[in-house]
PDB file of N, CA and C in Angstrom:
ATOM      1  N   UNK A   1      17.587   7.205  -6.653  1.00  0.00           N
ATOM      2  CA  UNK A   1      17.101   5.871  -6.231  1.00  0.00           C
ATOM      3  C   UNK A   1      16.124   5.294  -7.276  1.00  0.00           C
ATOM      4  N   UNK A   2      16.236   4.015  -7.548  1.00  0.00           N
ATOM      5  CA  UNK A   2      15.288   3.417  -8.538  1.00  0.00           C
ATOM      6  C   UNK A   2      13.965   3.037  -7.900  1.00  0.00           C
ATOM      7  N   UNK A   3      12.949   3.106  -8.744  1.00  0.00           N
ATOM      8  CA  UNK A   3      11.653   2.697  -8.246  1.00  0.00           C
ATOM      9  C   UNK A   3      11.300   1.288  -8.677  1.00  0.00           C
ATOM     10  N   UNK A   4      10.392   0.672  -7.948  1.00  0.00           N
ATOM     11  CA  UNK A   4       9.905  -0.553  -8.278  1.00  0.00           C
ATOM     12  C   UNK A   4       8.487  -0.697  -7.950  1.00  0.00           C
ATOM     13  N   UNK A   5       7.748  -1.782  -8.281  1.00  0.00           N
ATOM     14  CA  UNK A   5       6.376  -1.984  -7.932  1.00  0.00           C
ATOM     15  C   UNK A   5       6.461  -2.795  -6.574  1.00  0.00           C
ATOM     16  N   UNK A   6       5.743  -2.128  -5.587  1.00  0.00           N
ATOM     17  CA  UNK A   6       5.608  -2.793  -4.264  1.00  0.00           C
ATOM     18  C   UNK A   6       4.167  -3.319  -4.169  1.00  0.00           C
ATOM     19  N   UNK A   7       4.135  -4.556  -3.672  1.00  0.00           N
ATOM     20  CA  UNK A   7       2.779  -5.262  -3.459  1.00  0.00           C
ATOM     21  C   UNK A   7       2.663  -5.281  -1.874  1.00  0.00           C
ATOM     22  N   UNK A   8       1.657  -4.680  -1.454  1.00  0.00           N
ATOM     23  CA  UNK A   8       1.500  -4.522  -0.010  1.00  0.00           C
ATOM     24  C   UNK A   8       0.151  -5.167   0.435  1.00  0.00           C
ATOM     25  N   UNK A   9       0.234  -6.056   1.456  1.00  0.00           N
ATOM     26  CA  UNK A   9      -0.956  -6.710   1.879  1.00  0.00           C
ATOM     27  C   UNK A   9      -1.304  -6.151   3.299  1.00  0.00           C
ATOM     28  N   UNK A  10      -2.515  -5.795   3.431  1.00  0.00           N
ATOM     29  CA  UNK A  10      -3.020  -5.225   4.756  1.00  0.00           C
ATOM     30  C   UNK A  10      -4.172  -6.181   5.303  1.00  0.00           C
ATOM     31  N   UNK A  11      -4.159  -6.190   6.544  1.00  0.00           N
ATOM     32  CA  UNK A  11      -5.280  -7.011   7.178  1.00  0.00           C
ATOM     33  C   UNK A  11      -6.648  -6.269   7.092  1.00  0.00           C
ATOM     34  N   UNK A  12      -7.640  -7.024   6.713  1.00  0.00           N
ATOM     35  CA  UNK A  12      -8.946  -6.497   6.580  1.00  0.00           C
ATOM     36  C   UNK A  12      -9.311  -5.910   5.265  1.00  0.00           C
ATOM     37  N   UNK A  13     -10.530  -5.309   5.176  1.00  0.00           N
ATOM     38  CA  UNK A  13     -10.977  -4.676   3.905  1.00  0.00           C
ATOM     39  C   UNK A  13     -10.486  -3.184   3.990  1.00  0.00           C
ATOM     40  N   UNK A  14      -9.882  -2.733   2.885  1.00  0.00           N
ATOM     41  CA  UNK A  14      -9.388  -1.396   2.759  1.00  0.00           C
ATOM     42  C   UNK A  14      -9.994  -0.770   1.522  1.00  0.00           C
ATOM     43  N   UNK A  15     -10.548   0.463   1.739  1.00  0.00           N
ATOM     44  CA  UNK A  15     -11.104   1.254   0.635  1.00  0.00           C
ATOM     45  C   UNK A  15      -9.901   1.958   0.019  1.00  0.00           C
ATOM     46  N   UNK A  16      -9.431   1.369  -1.059  1.00  0.00           N
ATOM     47  CA  UNK A  16      -8.135   1.989  -1.778  1.00  0.00           C
ATOM     48  C   UNK A  16      -8.465   3.353  -2.284  1.00  0.00           C
ATOM     49  N   UNK A  17      -9.736   3.578  -2.746  1.00  0.00           N
ATOM     50  CA  UNK A  17     -10.032   4.918  -3.291  1.00  0.00           C
ATOM     51  C   UNK A  17      -9.967   5.950  -2.146  1.00  0.00           C
ATOM     52  N   UNK A  18     -10.419   5.608  -1.036  1.00  0.00           N
ATOM     53  CA  UNK A  18     -10.355   6.488   0.140  1.00  0.00           C
ATOM     54  C   UNK A  18      -8.916   6.760   0.486  1.00  0.00           C
ATOM     55  N   UNK A  19      -8.075   5.788   0.509  1.00  0.00           N
ATOM     56  CA  UNK A  19      -6.675   5.995   0.794  1.00  0.00           C
ATOM     57  C   UNK A  19      -5.989   6.869  -0.201  1.00  0.00           C
ATOM     58  N   UNK A  20      -6.379   6.628  -1.517  1.00  0.00           N
ATOM     59  CA  UNK A  20      -5.788   7.430  -2.612  1.00  0.00           C
ATOM     60  C   UNK A  20      -6.158   8.940  -2.552  1.00  0.00           C
ATOM     61  N   UNK A  21      -7.244   9.245  -1.960  1.00  0.00           N
ATOM     62  CA  UNK A  21      -7.648  10.681  -1.742  1.00  0.00           C
ATOM     63  C   UNK A  21      -6.692  11.327  -0.696  1.00  0.00           C
ATOM     64  N   UNK A  22      -6.067  10.592   0.168  1.00  0.00           N
ATOM     65  CA  UNK A  22      -5.184  11.099   1.213  1.00  0.00           C
ATOM     66  C   UNK A  22      -3.736  10.907   0.955  1.00  0.00           C
ATOM     67  N   UNK A  23      -3.392  10.232  -0.172  1.00  0.00           N
ATOM     68  CA  UNK A  23      -2.041   9.855  -0.410  1.00  0.00           C
ATOM     69  C   UNK A  23      -1.581  10.525  -1.698  1.00  0.00           C
ATOM     70  N   UNK A  24      -0.273  10.941  -1.675  1.00  0.00           N
ATOM     71  CA  UNK A  24       0.321  11.467  -2.848  1.00  0.00           C
ATOM     72  C   UNK A  24       0.625  10.372  -3.949  1.00  0.00           C
ATOM     73  N   UNK A  25       0.661   9.121  -3.555  1.00  0.00           N
ATOM     74  CA  UNK A  25       0.871   8.006  -4.439  1.00  0.00           C
ATOM     75  C   UNK A  25      -0.390   7.410  -4.891  1.00  0.00           C
ATOM     76  N   UNK A  26      -0.393   6.775  -6.056  1.00  0.00           N
ATOM     77  CA  UNK A  26      -1.584   6.106  -6.508  1.00  0.00           C
ATOM     78  C   UNK A  26      -1.540   4.612  -6.241  1.00  0.00           C
ATOM     79  N   UNK A  27      -2.460   4.098  -5.514  1.00  0.00           N
ATOM     80  CA  UNK A  27      -2.489   2.692  -5.222  1.00  0.00           C
ATOM     81  C   UNK A  27      -3.491   2.011  -6.103  1.00  0.00           C
ATOM     82  N   UNK A  28      -3.103   0.744  -6.512  1.00  0.00           N
ATOM     83  CA  UNK A  28      -3.914   0.024  -7.395  1.00  0.00           C
ATOM     84  C   UNK A  28      -4.352  -1.286  -6.564  1.00  0.00           C
ATOM     85  N   UNK A  29      -5.645  -1.485  -6.382  1.00  0.00           N
ATOM     86  CA  UNK A  29      -6.143  -2.693  -5.717  1.00  0.00           C
ATOM     87  C   UNK A  29      -5.945  -3.917  -6.610  1.00  0.00           C
ATOM     88  N   UNK A  30      -5.421  -4.956  -6.070  1.00  0.00           N
ATOM     89  CA  UNK A  30      -5.101  -6.215  -6.805  1.00  0.00           C
ATOM     90  C   UNK A  30      -6.180  -7.307  -6.420  1.00  0.00           C
ATOM     91  N   UNK A  31      -6.332  -7.409  -5.174  1.00  0.00           N
ATOM     92  CA  UNK A  31      -7.373  -8.425  -4.585  1.00  0.00           C
ATOM     93  C   UNK A  31      -7.707  -8.084  -3.282  1.00  0.00           C
ATOM     94  N   UNK A  32      -8.764  -8.681  -2.773  1.00  0.00           N
ATOM     95  CA  UNK A  32      -9.133  -8.426  -1.439  1.00  0.00           C
ATOM     96  C   UNK A  32     -10.435  -9.077  -1.068  1.00  0.00           C
ATOM     97  N   UNK A  33     -10.535  -9.446   0.199  1.00  0.00           N
ATOM     98  CA  UNK A  33     -11.760  -9.930   0.867  1.00  0.00           C
ATOM     99  C   UNK A  33     -11.898  -9.338   2.215  1.00  0.00           C
ATOM    100  N   UNK A  34     -12.749  -9.890   3.058  1.00  0.00           N
ATOM    101  CA  UNK A  34     -12.907  -9.313   4.284  1.00  0.00           C
ATOM    102  C   UNK A  34     -11.724  -9.489   5.252  1.00  0.00           C
ATOM    103  N   UNK A  35     -10.775 -10.417   4.999  1.00  0.00           N
ATOM    104  CA  UNK A  35      -9.695 -10.700   5.858  1.00  0.00           C
ATOM    105  C   UNK A  35      -8.387 -10.002   5.415  1.00  0.00           C
ATOM    106  N   UNK A  36      -8.306  -9.674   4.023  1.00  0.00           N
ATOM    107  CA  UNK A  36      -7.010  -9.102   3.520  1.00  0.00           C
ATOM    108  C   UNK A  36      -7.264  -8.315   2.249  1.00  0.00           C
ATOM    109  N   UNK A  37      -6.512  -7.186   2.098  1.00  0.00           N
ATOM    110  CA  UNK A  37      -6.521  -6.394   0.904  1.00  0.00           C
ATOM    111  C   UNK A  37      -5.097  -6.278   0.425  1.00  0.00           C
ATOM    112  N   UNK A  38      -4.941  -6.571  -0.957  1.00  0.00           N
ATOM    113  CA  UNK A  38      -3.541  -6.442  -1.589  1.00  0.00           C
ATOM    114  C   UNK A  38      -3.643  -5.323  -2.535  1.00  0.00           C
ATOM    115  N   UNK A  39      -2.715  -4.480  -2.565  1.00  0.00           N
ATOM    116  CA  UNK A  39      -2.614  -3.342  -3.661  1.00  0.00           C
ATOM    117  C   UNK A  39      -1.195  -3.245  -4.002  1.00  0.00           C
ATOM    118  N   UNK A  40      -0.881  -2.480  -5.100  1.00  0.00           N
ATOM    119  CA  UNK A  40       0.371  -2.278  -5.651  1.00  0.00           C
ATOM    120  C   UNK A  40       0.588  -0.835  -5.795  1.00  0.00           C
ATOM    121  N   UNK A  41       1.828  -0.398  -5.777  1.00  0.00           N
ATOM    122  CA  UNK A  41       2.219   1.031  -6.036  1.00  0.00           C
ATOM    123  C   UNK A  41       3.596   1.127  -6.560  1.00  0.00           C
ATOM    124  N   UNK A  42       3.843   1.950  -7.570  1.00  0.00           N
ATOM    125  CA  UNK A  42       5.149   2.139  -8.086  1.00  0.00           C
ATOM    126  C   UNK A  42       5.742   3.420  -7.442  1.00  0.00           C
ATOM    127  N   UNK A  43       6.877   3.195  -6.742  1.00  0.00           N
ATOM    128  CA  UNK A  43       7.486   4.318  -6.022  1.00  0.00           C
ATOM    129  C   UNK A  43       9.020   3.903  -5.788  1.00  0.00           C
ATOM    130  N   UNK A  44       9.767   4.849  -5.241  1.00  0.00           N
ATOM    131  CA  UNK A  44      11.079   4.603  -4.806  1.00  0.00           C
ATOM    132  C   UNK A  44      11.027   4.212  -3.228  1.00  0.00           C
ATOM    133  N   UNK A  45      12.152   3.852  -2.627  1.00  0.00           N
ATOM    134  CA  UNK A  45      12.126   3.427  -1.271  1.00  0.00           C
ATOM    135  C   UNK A  45      11.612   4.504  -0.357  1.00  0.00           C
ATOM    136  N   UNK A  46      11.997   5.787  -0.625  1.00  0.00           N
ATOM    137  CA  UNK A  46      11.677   6.842   0.301  1.00  0.00           C
ATOM    138  C   UNK A  46      10.098   7.025   0.246  1.00  0.00           C
ATOM    139  N   UNK A  47       9.476   6.874  -0.985  1.00  0.00           N
ATOM    140  CA  UNK A  47       8.079   6.976  -1.148  1.00  0.00           C
ATOM    141  C   UNK A  47       7.374   5.866  -0.446  1.00  0.00           C
ATOM    142  N   UNK A  48       8.020   4.695  -0.467  1.00  0.00           N
ATOM    143  CA  UNK A  48       7.401   3.590   0.213  1.00  0.00           C
ATOM    144  C   UNK A  48       7.392   3.801   1.807  1.00  0.00           C
ATOM    145  N   UNK A  49       8.463   4.321   2.341  1.00  0.00           N
ATOM    146  CA  UNK A  49       8.557   4.559   3.705  1.00  0.00           C
ATOM    147  C   UNK A  49       7.496   5.604   4.137  1.00  0.00           C
ATOM    148  N   UNK A  50       7.362   6.658   3.308  1.00  0.00           N
ATOM    149  CA  UNK A  50       6.215   7.591   3.693  1.00  0.00           C
ATOM    150  C   UNK A  50       4.896   6.960   3.670  1.00  0.00           C
ATOM    151  N   UNK A  51       4.648   6.118   2.607  1.00  0.00           N
ATOM    152  CA  UNK A  51       3.341   5.496   2.475  1.00  0.00           C
ATOM    153  C   UNK A  51       3.096   4.587   3.697  1.00  0.00           C
ATOM    154  N   UNK A  52       4.143   3.774   4.008  1.00  0.00           N
ATOM    155  CA  UNK A  52       3.928   2.904   5.131  1.00  0.00           C
ATOM    156  C   UNK A  52       3.645   3.618   6.428  1.00  0.00           C
ATOM    157  N   UNK A  53       4.333   4.719   6.645  1.00  0.00           N
ATOM    158  CA  UNK A  53       4.060   5.515   7.804  1.00  0.00           C
ATOM    159  C   UNK A  53       2.641   6.095   7.797  1.00  0.00           C
ATOM    160  N   UNK A  54       2.221   6.526   6.633  1.00  0.00           N
ATOM    161  CA  UNK A  54       0.823   7.057   6.449  1.00  0.00           C
ATOM    162  C   UNK A  54      -0.196   6.010   6.834  1.00  0.00           C
ATOM    163  N   UNK A  55       0.021   4.798   6.183  1.00  0.00           N
ATOM    164  CA  UNK A  55      -1.073   3.696   6.457  1.00  0.00           C
ATOM    165  C   UNK A  55      -1.034   3.316   7.855  1.00  0.00           C
ATOM    166  N   UNK A  56       0.211   3.196   8.505  1.00  0.00           N
ATOM    167  CA  UNK A  56       0.353   2.841   9.892  1.00  0.00           C
ATOM    168  C   UNK A  56      -0.420   3.876  10.830  1.00  0.00           C
ATOM    169  N   UNK A  57      -0.269   5.157  10.459  1.00  0.00           N
ATOM    170  CA  UNK A  57      -0.918   6.172  11.179  1.00  0.00           C
ATOM    171  C   UNK A  57      -2.486   6.126  11.091  1.00  0.00           C
ATOM    172  N   UNK A  58      -2.978   5.514  10.008  1.00  0.00           N
ATOM    173  CA  UNK A  58      -4.362   5.296   9.920  1.00  0.00           C
ATOM    174  C   UNK A  58      -4.896   4.084  10.577  1.00  0.00           C
ATOM    175  N   UNK A  59      -3.943   3.353  11.160  1.00  0.00           N
ATOM    176  CA  UNK A  59      -4.305   2.131  11.951  1.00  0.00           C
ATOM    177  C   UNK A  59      -4.309   0.821  11.182  1.00  0.00           C
ATOM    178  N   UNK A  60      -3.814   0.733  10.094  1.00  0.00           N
ATOM    179  CA  UNK A  60      -3.764  -0.475   9.257  1.00  0.00           C
ATOM    180  C   UNK A  60      -2.695  -1.408   9.793  1.00  0.00           C
ATOM    181  N   UNK A  61      -2.942  -2.734   9.701  1.00  0.00           N
ATOM    182  CA  UNK A  61      -2.013  -3.757  10.159  1.00  0.00           C
ATOM    183  C   UNK A  61      -1.439  -4.363   8.808  1.00  0.00           C
ATOM    184  N   UNK A  62      -0.111  -4.356   8.782  1.00  0.00           N
ATOM    185  CA  UNK A  62       0.552  -5.002   7.582  1.00  0.00           C
ATOM    186  C   UNK A  62       0.740  -6.452   7.727  1.00  0.00           C
ATOM    187  N   UNK A  63       0.463  -7.170   6.583  1.00  0.00           N
ATOM    188  CA  UNK A  63       0.760  -8.565   6.498  1.00  0.00           C
ATOM    189  C   UNK A  63       1.995  -8.828   5.705  1.00  0.00           C
ATOM    190  N   UNK A  64       2.279  -8.128   4.628  1.00  0.00           N
ATOM    191  CA  UNK A  64       3.531  -8.293   3.844  1.00  0.00           C
ATOM    192  C   UNK A  64       3.728  -7.027   2.962  1.00  0.00           C
ATOM    193  N   UNK A  65       5.016  -6.829   2.675  1.00  0.00           N
ATOM    194  CA  UNK A  65       5.459  -5.835   1.690  1.00  0.00           C
ATOM    195  C   UNK A  65       6.532  -6.497   0.786  1.00  0.00           C
ATOM    196  N   UNK A  66       6.355  -6.578  -0.564  1.00  0.00           N
ATOM    197  CA  UNK A  66       7.276  -7.177  -1.449  1.00  0.00           C
ATOM    198  C   UNK A  66       7.577  -6.302  -2.592  1.00  0.00           C
ATOM    199  N   UNK A  67       8.806  -6.334  -3.056  1.00  0.00           N
ATOM    200  CA  UNK A  67       9.252  -5.473  -4.179  1.00  0.00           C
ATOM    201  C   UNK A  67       9.326  -6.357  -5.476  1.00  0.00           C
ATOM    202  N   UNK A  68       8.813  -5.907  -6.566  1.00  0.00           N
ATOM    203  CA  UNK A  68       8.934  -6.578  -7.816  1.00  0.00           C
ATOM    204  C   UNK A  68       9.689  -5.691  -8.786  1.00  0.00           C
ATOM    205  N   UNK A  69      10.806  -5.983  -9.180  1.00  0.00           N
ATOM    206  CA  UNK A  69      11.719  -5.129 -10.010  1.00  0.00           C
ATOM    207  C   UNK A  69      11.436  -5.354 -11.426  1.00  0.00           C
TER     208      UNK A  69
END
Protein backbone atom coordinates (compact mmCIF):
# COMPACT_ATOMS: atom_id res chain seq x y z
CA UNK A 1 0.00 0.00 0.00
CA UNK A 2 1.22 3.50 -0.78
CA UNK A 3 1.99 6.05 1.88
CA UNK A 4 1.03 9.69 1.87
CA UNK A 5 1.20 12.66 4.21
CA UNK A 6 -1.82 12.88 6.48
CA UNK A 7 -2.78 16.19 8.09
CA UNK A 8 -4.67 15.60 11.32
CA UNK A 9 -6.42 18.26 13.38
CA UNK A 10 -7.25 17.58 17.01
CA UNK A 11 -9.34 19.62 19.41
CA UNK A 12 -7.31 21.51 22.01
CA UNK A 13 -3.61 21.77 22.73
CA UNK A 14 -1.62 18.62 22.08
CA UNK A 15 1.96 18.03 23.19
CA UNK A 16 3.20 16.35 20.00
CA UNK A 17 6.55 15.48 21.61
CA UNK A 18 4.72 13.56 24.33
CA UNK A 19 2.61 11.72 21.75
CA UNK A 20 5.79 10.92 19.75
CA UNK A 21 7.26 9.21 22.82
CA UNK A 22 4.35 6.72 22.81
CA UNK A 23 3.88 6.36 19.04
CA UNK A 24 5.85 4.30 16.50
CA UNK A 25 5.20 7.09 13.95
CA UNK A 26 6.85 10.52 13.98
CA UNK A 27 4.35 13.39 14.12
CA UNK A 28 5.30 16.90 12.96
CA UNK A 29 3.44 19.81 14.54
CA UNK A 30 2.26 22.25 11.86
CA UNK A 31 0.23 24.74 13.86
CA UNK A 32 -1.79 25.02 16.99
CA UNK A 33 -3.42 27.16 19.60
CA UNK A 34 -5.52 26.47 22.68
CA UNK A 35 -8.49 25.37 20.54
CA UNK A 36 -6.82 23.21 17.84
CA UNK A 37 -3.56 21.39 17.07
CA UNK A 38 -2.63 20.30 13.55
CA UNK A 39 0.16 17.88 12.77
CA UNK A 40 1.28 15.75 9.85
CA UNK A 41 2.60 12.22 9.54
CA UNK A 42 3.79 10.15 6.58
CA UNK A 43 2.42 6.62 6.70
CA UNK A 44 0.26 4.13 4.86
CA UNK A 45 -3.41 3.59 5.58
CA UNK A 46 -2.87 0.80 8.11
CA UNK A 47 -0.42 3.01 10.02
CA UNK A 48 -2.98 5.80 10.01
CA UNK A 49 -5.67 3.53 11.44
CA UNK A 50 -3.32 2.45 14.23
CA UNK A 51 -2.40 6.06 15.00
CA UNK A 52 -6.05 7.16 15.05
CA UNK A 53 -6.92 4.33 17.44
CA UNK A 54 -3.98 5.27 19.65
CA UNK A 55 -4.95 8.96 19.75
CA UNK A 56 -8.60 8.11 20.36
CA UNK A 57 -7.58 5.84 23.22
CA UNK A 58 -5.73 8.78 24.77
CA UNK A 59 -8.98 10.78 24.69
CA UNK A 60 -8.28 13.19 21.83
CA UNK A 61 -11.18 14.57 19.76
CA UNK A 62 -10.63 14.64 15.98
CA UNK A 63 -11.58 17.66 13.90
CA UNK A 64 -10.29 16.45 10.52
CA UNK A 65 -8.03 13.97 8.75
CA UNK A 66 -6.82 14.72 5.19
CA UNK A 67 -4.44 12.94 2.82
CA UNK A 68 -1.94 14.84 0.66
CA UNK A 69 -0.50 12.64 -2.09
